[in-house]
PDB file of N, CA and C in Angstrom:
ATOM      1  N   MET A   1      70.837 102.365 101.613  1.00  0.00           N
ATOM      2  CA  MET A   1      70.735 101.044 102.230  1.00  0.00           C
ATOM      3  C   MET A   1      71.464 100.031 101.344  1.00  0.00           C
ATOM      4  N   PRO A   2      72.265  99.170 101.938  1.00  0.00           N
ATOM      5  CA  PRO A   2      72.983  98.154 101.150  1.00  0.00           C
ATOM      6  C   PRO A   2      72.010  97.200 100.459  1.00  0.00           C
ATOM      7  N   SER A   3      72.442  96.651  99.354  1.00  0.00           N
ATOM      8  CA  SER A   3      71.610  95.699  98.627  1.00  0.00           C
ATOM      9  C   SER A   3      71.475  94.398  99.416  1.00  0.00           C
ATOM     10  N   PHE A   4      70.471  93.610  99.044  1.00  0.00           N
ATOM     11  CA  PHE A   4      70.273  92.315  99.696  1.00  0.00           C
ATOM     12  C   PHE A   4      71.529  91.469  99.596  1.00  0.00           C
ATOM     13  N   GLN A   5      72.162  91.442  98.437  1.00  0.00           N
ATOM     14  CA  GLN A   5      73.360  90.615  98.251  1.00  0.00           C
ATOM     15  C   GLN A   5      74.493  91.059  99.174  1.00  0.00           C
ATOM     16  N   ASN A   6      74.643  92.367  99.374  1.00  0.00           N
ATOM     17  CA  ASN A   6      75.667  92.863 100.297  1.00  0.00           C
ATOM     18  C   ASN A   6      75.352  92.448 101.725  1.00  0.00           C
ATOM     19  N   ARG A   7      74.098  92.611 102.133  1.00  0.00           N
ATOM     20  CA  ARG A   7      73.699  92.226 103.490  1.00  0.00           C
ATOM     21  C   ARG A   7      73.852  90.725 103.684  1.00  0.00           C
ATOM     22  N   LYS A   8      73.493  89.943 102.661  1.00  0.00           N
ATOM     23  CA  LYS A   8      73.603  88.489 102.749  1.00  0.00           C
ATOM     24  C   LYS A   8      75.066  88.077 102.900  1.00  0.00           C
ATOM     25  N   ALA A   9      75.954  88.716 102.159  1.00  0.00           N
ATOM     26  CA  ALA A   9      77.387  88.390 102.256  1.00  0.00           C
ATOM     27  C   ALA A   9      77.911  88.650 103.667  1.00  0.00           C
ATOM     28  N   ILE A  10      77.493  89.748 104.267  1.00  0.00           N
ATOM     29  CA  ILE A  10      77.912  90.062 105.635  1.00  0.00           C
ATOM     30  C   ILE A  10      77.347  89.030 106.600  1.00  0.00           C
ATOM     31  N   GLY A  11      76.061  88.690 106.440  1.00  0.00           N
ATOM     32  CA  GLY A  11      75.436  87.681 107.293  1.00  0.00           C
ATOM     33  C   GLY A  11      76.082  86.316 107.147  1.00  0.00           C
ATOM     34  N   ASP A  12      76.384  85.937 105.904  1.00  0.00           N
ATOM     35  CA  ASP A  12      77.040  84.645 105.658  1.00  0.00           C
ATOM     36  C   ASP A  12      78.414  84.584 106.323  1.00  0.00           C
ATOM     37  N   ALA A  13      79.167  85.681 106.240  1.00  0.00           N
ATOM     38  CA  ALA A  13      80.488  85.724 106.874  1.00  0.00           C
ATOM     39  C   ALA A  13      80.351  85.599 108.390  1.00  0.00           C
ATOM     40  N   HIS A  14      79.328  86.223 108.949  1.00  0.00           N
ATOM     41  CA  HIS A  14      79.102  86.132 110.394  1.00  0.00           C
ATOM     42  C   HIS A  14      78.745  84.698 110.795  1.00  0.00           C
ATOM     43  N   GLU A  15      77.855  84.060 110.016  1.00  0.00           N
ATOM     44  CA  GLU A  15      77.515  82.654 110.291  1.00  0.00           C
ATOM     45  C   GLU A  15      78.752  81.773 110.236  1.00  0.00           C
ATOM     46  N   GLN A  16      79.604  82.003 109.252  1.00  0.00           N
ATOM     47  CA  GLN A  16      80.821  81.203 109.114  1.00  0.00           C
ATOM     48  C   GLN A  16      81.731  81.392 110.329  1.00  0.00           C
ATOM     49  N   ARG A  17      81.850  82.617 110.805  1.00  0.00           N
ATOM     50  CA  ARG A  17      82.682  82.901 111.978  1.00  0.00           C
ATOM     51  C   ARG A  17      82.129  82.201 113.220  1.00  0.00           C
ATOM     52  N   VAL A  18      80.799  82.261 113.407  1.00  0.00           N
ATOM     53  CA  VAL A  18      80.174  81.584 114.546  1.00  0.00           C
ATOM     54  C   VAL A  18      80.399  80.079 114.438  1.00  0.00           C
ATOM     55  N   THR A  19      80.230  79.530 113.235  1.00  0.00           N
ATOM     56  CA  THR A  19      80.435  78.093 113.013  1.00  0.00           C
ATOM     57  C   THR A  19      81.870  77.698 113.358  1.00  0.00           C
ATOM     58  N   GLN A  20      82.839  78.463 112.875  1.00  0.00           N
ATOM     59  CA  GLN A  20      84.242  78.159 113.144  1.00  0.00           C
ATOM     60  C   GLN A  20      84.539  78.201 114.644  1.00  0.00           C
ATOM     61  N   GLU A  21      84.001  79.185 115.328  1.00  0.00           N
ATOM     62  CA  GLU A  21      84.250  79.311 116.772  1.00  0.00           C
ATOM     63  C   GLU A  21      83.622  78.141 117.535  1.00  0.00           C
ATOM     64  N   LEU A  22      82.400  77.757 117.145  1.00  0.00           N
ATOM     65  CA  LEU A  22      81.765  76.613 117.801  1.00  0.00           C
ATOM     66  C   LEU A  22      82.528  75.320 117.513  1.00  0.00           C
ATOM     67  N   ASN A  23      82.975  75.135 116.266  1.00  0.00           N
ATOM     68  CA  ASN A  23      83.780  73.957 115.930  1.00  0.00           C
ATOM     69  C   ASN A  23      85.044  73.907 116.783  1.00  0.00           C
ATOM     70  N   ARG A  24      85.674  75.047 116.967  1.00  0.00           N
ATOM     71  CA  ARG A  24      86.893  75.130 117.778  1.00  0.00           C
ATOM     72  C   ARG A  24      86.619  74.697 119.214  1.00  0.00           C
ATOM     73  N   ARG A  25      85.395  74.915 119.666  1.00  0.00           N
ATOM     74  CA  ARG A  25      85.010  74.560 121.037  1.00  0.00           C
ATOM     75  C   ARG A  25      84.391  73.169 121.150  1.00  0.00           C
ATOM     76  N   GLY A  26      84.464  72.384 120.054  1.00  0.00           N
ATOM     77  CA  GLY A  26      84.011  70.999 120.109  1.00  0.00           C
ATOM     78  C   GLY A  26      82.576  70.743 119.675  1.00  0.00           C
ATOM     79  N   TRP A  27      81.916  71.749 119.115  1.00  0.00           N
ATOM     80  CA  TRP A  27      80.545  71.580 118.627  1.00  0.00           C
ATOM     81  C   TRP A  27      80.567  71.180 117.152  1.00  0.00           C
ATOM     82  N   HIS A  28      79.578  70.411 116.736  1.00  0.00           N
ATOM     83  CA  HIS A  28      79.375  70.064 115.326  1.00  0.00           C
ATOM     84  C   HIS A  28      78.213  70.905 114.847  1.00  0.00           C
ATOM     85  N   VAL A  29      78.423  71.688 113.778  1.00  0.00           N
ATOM     86  CA  VAL A  29      77.454  72.692 113.347  1.00  0.00           C
ATOM     87  C   VAL A  29      77.002  72.414 111.915  1.00  0.00           C
ATOM     88  N   SER A  30      75.688  72.584 111.670  1.00  0.00           N
ATOM     89  CA  SER A  30      75.115  72.482 110.337  1.00  0.00           C
ATOM     90  C   SER A  30      74.244  73.699 110.070  1.00  0.00           C
ATOM     91  N   ARG A  31      74.126  74.059 108.804  1.00  0.00           N
ATOM     92  CA  ARG A  31      73.227  75.153 108.430  1.00  0.00           C
ATOM     93  C   ARG A  31      71.794  74.704 108.639  1.00  0.00           C
ATOM     94  N   TRP A  32      70.911  75.670 108.898  1.00  0.00           N
ATOM     95  CA  TRP A  32      69.518  75.408 109.206  1.00  0.00           C
ATOM     96  C   TRP A  32      68.733  76.628 108.746  1.00  0.00           C
ATOM     97  N   GLY A  33      67.484  76.491 108.457  1.00  0.00           N
ATOM     98  CA  GLY A  33      66.635  77.653 108.204  1.00  0.00           C
ATOM     99  C   GLY A  33      66.513  78.058 106.754  1.00  0.00           C
ATOM    100  N   GLN A  34      65.983  79.264 106.555  1.00  0.00           N
ATOM    101  CA  GLN A  34      65.653  79.744 105.215  1.00  0.00           C
ATOM    102  C   GLN A  34      66.845  79.841 104.281  1.00  0.00           C
ATOM    103  N   GLY A  35      68.029  80.059 104.836  1.00  0.00           N
ATOM    104  CA  GLY A  35      69.210  80.232 103.999  1.00  0.00           C
ATOM    105  C   GLY A  35      69.532  79.040 103.116  1.00  0.00           C
ATOM    106  N   ILE A  36      68.995  77.864 103.426  1.00  0.00           N
ATOM    107  CA  ILE A  36      69.278  76.679 102.617  1.00  0.00           C
ATOM    108  C   ILE A  36      68.093  76.280 101.738  1.00  0.00           C
ATOM    109  N   LEU A  37      67.017  77.052 101.794  1.00  0.00           N
ATOM    110  CA  LEU A  37      65.839  76.752 100.986  1.00  0.00           C
ATOM    111  C   LEU A  37      65.977  77.368  99.602  1.00  0.00           C
ATOM    112  N   GLY A  38      65.261  76.801  98.650  1.00  0.00           N
ATOM    113  CA  GLY A  38      65.267  77.342  97.298  1.00  0.00           C
ATOM    114  C   GLY A  38      64.529  78.674  97.226  1.00  0.00           C
ATOM    115  N   GLU A  39      64.811  79.440  96.188  1.00  0.00           N
ATOM    116  CA  GLU A  39      64.234  80.775  96.011  1.00  0.00           C
ATOM    117  C   GLU A  39      62.701  80.783  96.065  1.00  0.00           C
ATOM    118  N   PRO A  40      61.983  79.869  95.392  1.00  0.00           N
ATOM    119  CA  PRO A  40      60.520  79.914  95.453  1.00  0.00           C
ATOM    120  C   PRO A  40      59.970  79.754  96.867  1.00  0.00           C
ATOM    121  N   VAL A  41      60.597  78.896  97.666  1.00  0.00           N
ATOM    122  CA  VAL A  41      60.132  78.692  99.041  1.00  0.00           C
ATOM    123  C   VAL A  41      60.461  79.916  99.896  1.00  0.00           C
ATOM    124  N   ARG A  42      61.677  80.463  99.750  1.00  0.00           N
ATOM    125  CA  ARG A  42      62.028  81.681 100.497  1.00  0.00           C
ATOM    126  C   ARG A  42      61.074  82.823 100.152  1.00  0.00           C
ATOM    127  N   TYR A  43      60.765  82.969  98.880  1.00  0.00           N
ATOM    128  CA  TYR A  43      59.852  84.022  98.418  1.00  0.00           C
ATOM    129  C   TYR A  43      58.479  83.858  99.056  1.00  0.00           C
ATOM    130  N   ALA A  44      57.964  82.636  99.067  1.00  0.00           N
ATOM    131  CA  ALA A  44      56.651  82.374  99.659  1.00  0.00           C
ATOM    132  C   ALA A  44      56.661  82.646 101.163  1.00  0.00           C
ATOM    133  N   LEU A  45      57.701  82.201 101.857  1.00  0.00           N
ATOM    134  CA  LEU A  45      57.781  82.423 103.295  1.00  0.00           C
ATOM    135  C   LEU A  45      57.905  83.905 103.637  1.00  0.00           C
ATOM    136  N   HIS A  46      58.616  84.636 102.805  1.00  0.00           N
ATOM    137  CA  HIS A  46      58.815  86.066 103.043  1.00  0.00           C
ATOM    138  C   HIS A  46      57.479  86.818 103.053  1.00  0.00           C
ATOM    139  N   ARG A  47      56.515  86.306 102.326  1.00  0.00           N
ATOM    140  CA  ARG A  47      55.236  86.985 102.184  1.00  0.00           C
ATOM    141  C   ARG A  47      54.126  86.371 103.039  1.00  0.00           C
ATOM    142  N   THR A  48      54.511  85.661 104.070  1.00  0.00           N
ATOM    143  CA  THR A  48      53.539  85.049 104.965  1.00  0.00           C
ATOM    144  C   THR A  48      53.822  85.468 106.411  1.00  0.00           C
ATOM    145  N   SER A  49      52.865  85.260 107.271  1.00  0.00           N
ATOM    146  CA  SER A  49      53.087  85.548 108.689  1.00  0.00           C
ATOM    147  C   SER A  49      53.484  84.286 109.455  1.00  0.00           C
ATOM    148  N   SER A  50      53.789  83.225 108.736  1.00  0.00           N
ATOM    149  CA  SER A  50      54.163  81.956 109.354  1.00  0.00           C
ATOM    150  C   SER A  50      55.402  82.110 110.228  1.00  0.00           C
ATOM    151  N   SER A  51      55.390  81.420 111.357  1.00  0.00           N
ATOM    152  CA  SER A  51      56.568  81.441 112.230  1.00  0.00           C
ATOM    153  C   SER A  51      57.764  80.755 111.574  1.00  0.00           C
ATOM    154  N   LEU A  52      57.544  80.029 110.490  1.00  0.00           N
ATOM    155  CA  LEU A  52      58.661  79.415 109.760  1.00  0.00           C
ATOM    156  C   LEU A  52      59.616  80.467 109.208  1.00  0.00           C
ATOM    157  N   ARG A  53      59.159  81.712 109.071  1.00  0.00           N
ATOM    158  CA  ARG A  53      60.039  82.789 108.599  1.00  0.00           C
ATOM    159  C   ARG A  53      61.181  83.039 109.556  1.00  0.00           C
ATOM    160  N   TRP A  54      61.019  82.693 110.812  1.00  0.00           N
ATOM    161  CA  TRP A  54      61.967  83.082 111.842  1.00  0.00           C
ATOM    162  C   TRP A  54      62.772  81.903 112.370  1.00  0.00           C
ATOM    163  N   THR A  55      63.020  80.914 111.532  1.00  0.00           N
ATOM    164  CA  THR A  55      63.819  79.778 111.977  1.00  0.00           C
ATOM    165  C   THR A  55      65.280  80.201 112.139  1.00  0.00           C
ATOM    166  N   PRO A  56      66.011  79.565 113.041  1.00  0.00           N
ATOM    167  CA  PRO A  56      67.415  79.914 113.273  1.00  0.00           C
ATOM    168  C   PRO A  56      68.299  79.641 112.046  1.00  0.00           C
ATOM    169  N   ASP A  57      69.524  80.124 112.114  1.00  0.00           N
ATOM    170  CA  ASP A  57      70.490  79.988 111.026  1.00  0.00           C
ATOM    171  C   ASP A  57      71.267  78.680 111.076  1.00  0.00           C
ATOM    172  N   LEU A  58      71.558  78.219 112.290  1.00  0.00           N
ATOM    173  CA  LEU A  58      72.428  77.060 112.475  1.00  0.00           C
ATOM    174  C   LEU A  58      71.833  76.119 113.517  1.00  0.00           C
ATOM    175  N   ILE A  59      72.234  74.855 113.444  1.00  0.00           N
ATOM    176  CA  ILE A  59      71.942  73.887 114.498  1.00  0.00           C
ATOM    177  C   ILE A  59      73.280  73.279 114.898  1.00  0.00           C
ATOM    178  N   ALA A  60      73.496  73.134 116.195  1.00  0.00           N
ATOM    179  CA  ALA A  60      74.777  72.615 116.677  1.00  0.00           C
ATOM    180  C   ALA A  60      74.531  71.538 117.726  1.00  0.00           C
ATOM    181  N   ALA A  61      75.435  70.566 117.761  1.00  0.00           N
ATOM    182  CA  ALA A  61      75.328  69.484 118.736  1.00  0.00           C
ATOM    183  C   ALA A  61      76.692  69.206 119.337  1.00  0.00           C
ATOM    184  N   GLN A  62      76.653  68.889 120.610  1.00  0.00           N
ATOM    185  CA  GLN A  62      77.852  68.460 121.332  1.00  0.00           C
ATOM    186  C   GLN A  62      77.372  67.385 122.301  1.00  0.00           C
ATOM    187  N   GLY A  63      77.808  66.157 122.045  1.00  0.00           N
ATOM    188  CA  GLY A  63      77.270  65.042 122.824  1.00  0.00           C
ATOM    189  C   GLY A  63      75.771  64.934 122.566  1.00  0.00           C
ATOM    190  N   ARG A  64      74.973  64.947 123.623  1.00  0.00           N
ATOM    191  CA  ARG A  64      73.517  64.876 123.473  1.00  0.00           C
ATOM    192  C   ARG A  64      72.844  66.241 123.528  1.00  0.00           C
ATOM    193  N   GLN A  65      73.630  67.281 123.659  1.00  0.00           N
ATOM    194  CA  GLN A  65      73.073  68.629 123.718  1.00  0.00           C
ATOM    195  C   GLN A  65      72.933  69.195 122.315  1.00  0.00           C
ATOM    196  N   VAL A  66      71.760  69.748 122.015  1.00  0.00           N
ATOM    197  CA  VAL A  66      71.479  70.343 120.707  1.00  0.00           C
ATOM    198  C   VAL A  66      70.985  71.765 120.922  1.00  0.00           C
ATOM    199  N   VAL A  67      71.505  72.705 120.121  1.00  0.00           N
ATOM    200  CA  VAL A  67      71.076  74.096 120.216  1.00  0.00           C
ATOM    201  C   VAL A  67      70.782  74.647 118.820  1.00  0.00           C
ATOM    202  N   LEU A  68      69.797  75.540 118.752  1.00  0.00           N
ATOM    203  CA  LEU A  68      69.487  76.280 117.537  1.00  0.00           C
ATOM    204  C   LEU A  68      70.028  77.697 117.710  1.00  0.00           C
ATOM    205  N   ILE A  69      70.690  78.225 116.674  1.00  0.00           N
ATOM    206  CA  ILE A  69      71.387  79.508 116.795  1.00  0.00           C
ATOM    207  C   ILE A  69      70.908  80.458 115.705  1.00  0.00           C
ATOM    208  N   ASP A  70      70.458  81.639 116.123  1.00  0.00           N
ATOM    209  CA  ASP A  70      70.103  82.706 115.185  1.00  0.00           C
ATOM    210  C   ASP A  70      71.210  83.742 115.235  1.00  0.00           C
ATOM    211  N   CYS A  71      72.196  83.554 114.381  1.00  0.00           N
ATOM    212  CA  CYS A  71      73.408  84.402 114.404  1.00  0.00           C
ATOM    213  C   CYS A  71      73.120  85.861 114.130  1.00  0.00           C
ATOM    214  N   LYS A  72      72.122  86.124 113.307  1.00  0.00           N
ATOM    215  CA  LYS A  72      71.916  87.478 112.821  1.00  0.00           C
ATOM    216  C   LYS A  72      70.751  88.186 113.508  1.00  0.00           C
ATOM    217  N   SER A  73      70.294  87.689 114.642  1.00  0.00           N
ATOM    218  CA  SER A  73      69.121  88.282 115.281  1.00  0.00           C
ATOM    219  C   SER A  73      69.345  89.738 115.693  1.00  0.00           C
ATOM    220  N   ARG A  74      70.570  90.123 115.945  1.00  0.00           N
ATOM    221  CA  ARG A  74      70.873  91.506 116.357  1.00  0.00           C
ATOM    222  C   ARG A  74      71.424  92.368 115.220  1.00  0.00           C
ATOM    223  N   MET A  75      71.581  91.782 114.041  1.00  0.00           N
ATOM    224  CA  MET A  75      72.105  92.541 112.914  1.00  0.00           C
ATOM    225  C   MET A  75      70.971  93.346 112.282  1.00  0.00           C
ATOM    226  N   THR A  76      71.245  94.606 111.962  1.00  0.00           N
ATOM    227  CA  THR A  76      70.219  95.412 111.313  1.00  0.00           C
ATOM    228  C   THR A  76      70.443  95.399 109.806  1.00  0.00           C
ATOM    229  N   SER A  77      69.374  95.543 109.064  1.00  0.00           N
ATOM    230  CA  SER A  77      69.456  95.519 107.598  1.00  0.00           C
ATOM    231  C   SER A  77      69.615  96.920 107.057  1.00  0.00           C
TER     232      SER A  77
END
């Protein structure tokens, strides 16, 4: 099984690709979710059953429309 750092690098590249494609289509995209939290908070969330563990990766807006995107929901670890 690949290490966490290897899996994270693949996931990060996928998020970047999704962000670039949405930007190309006129969306403004920002990072969202656990990926931007500090290590102590990620560690605590990882060991809880809180629904906060499953927040999306990105948030995007176009005009007044806002969407939350979980880029890696279909990626296996």
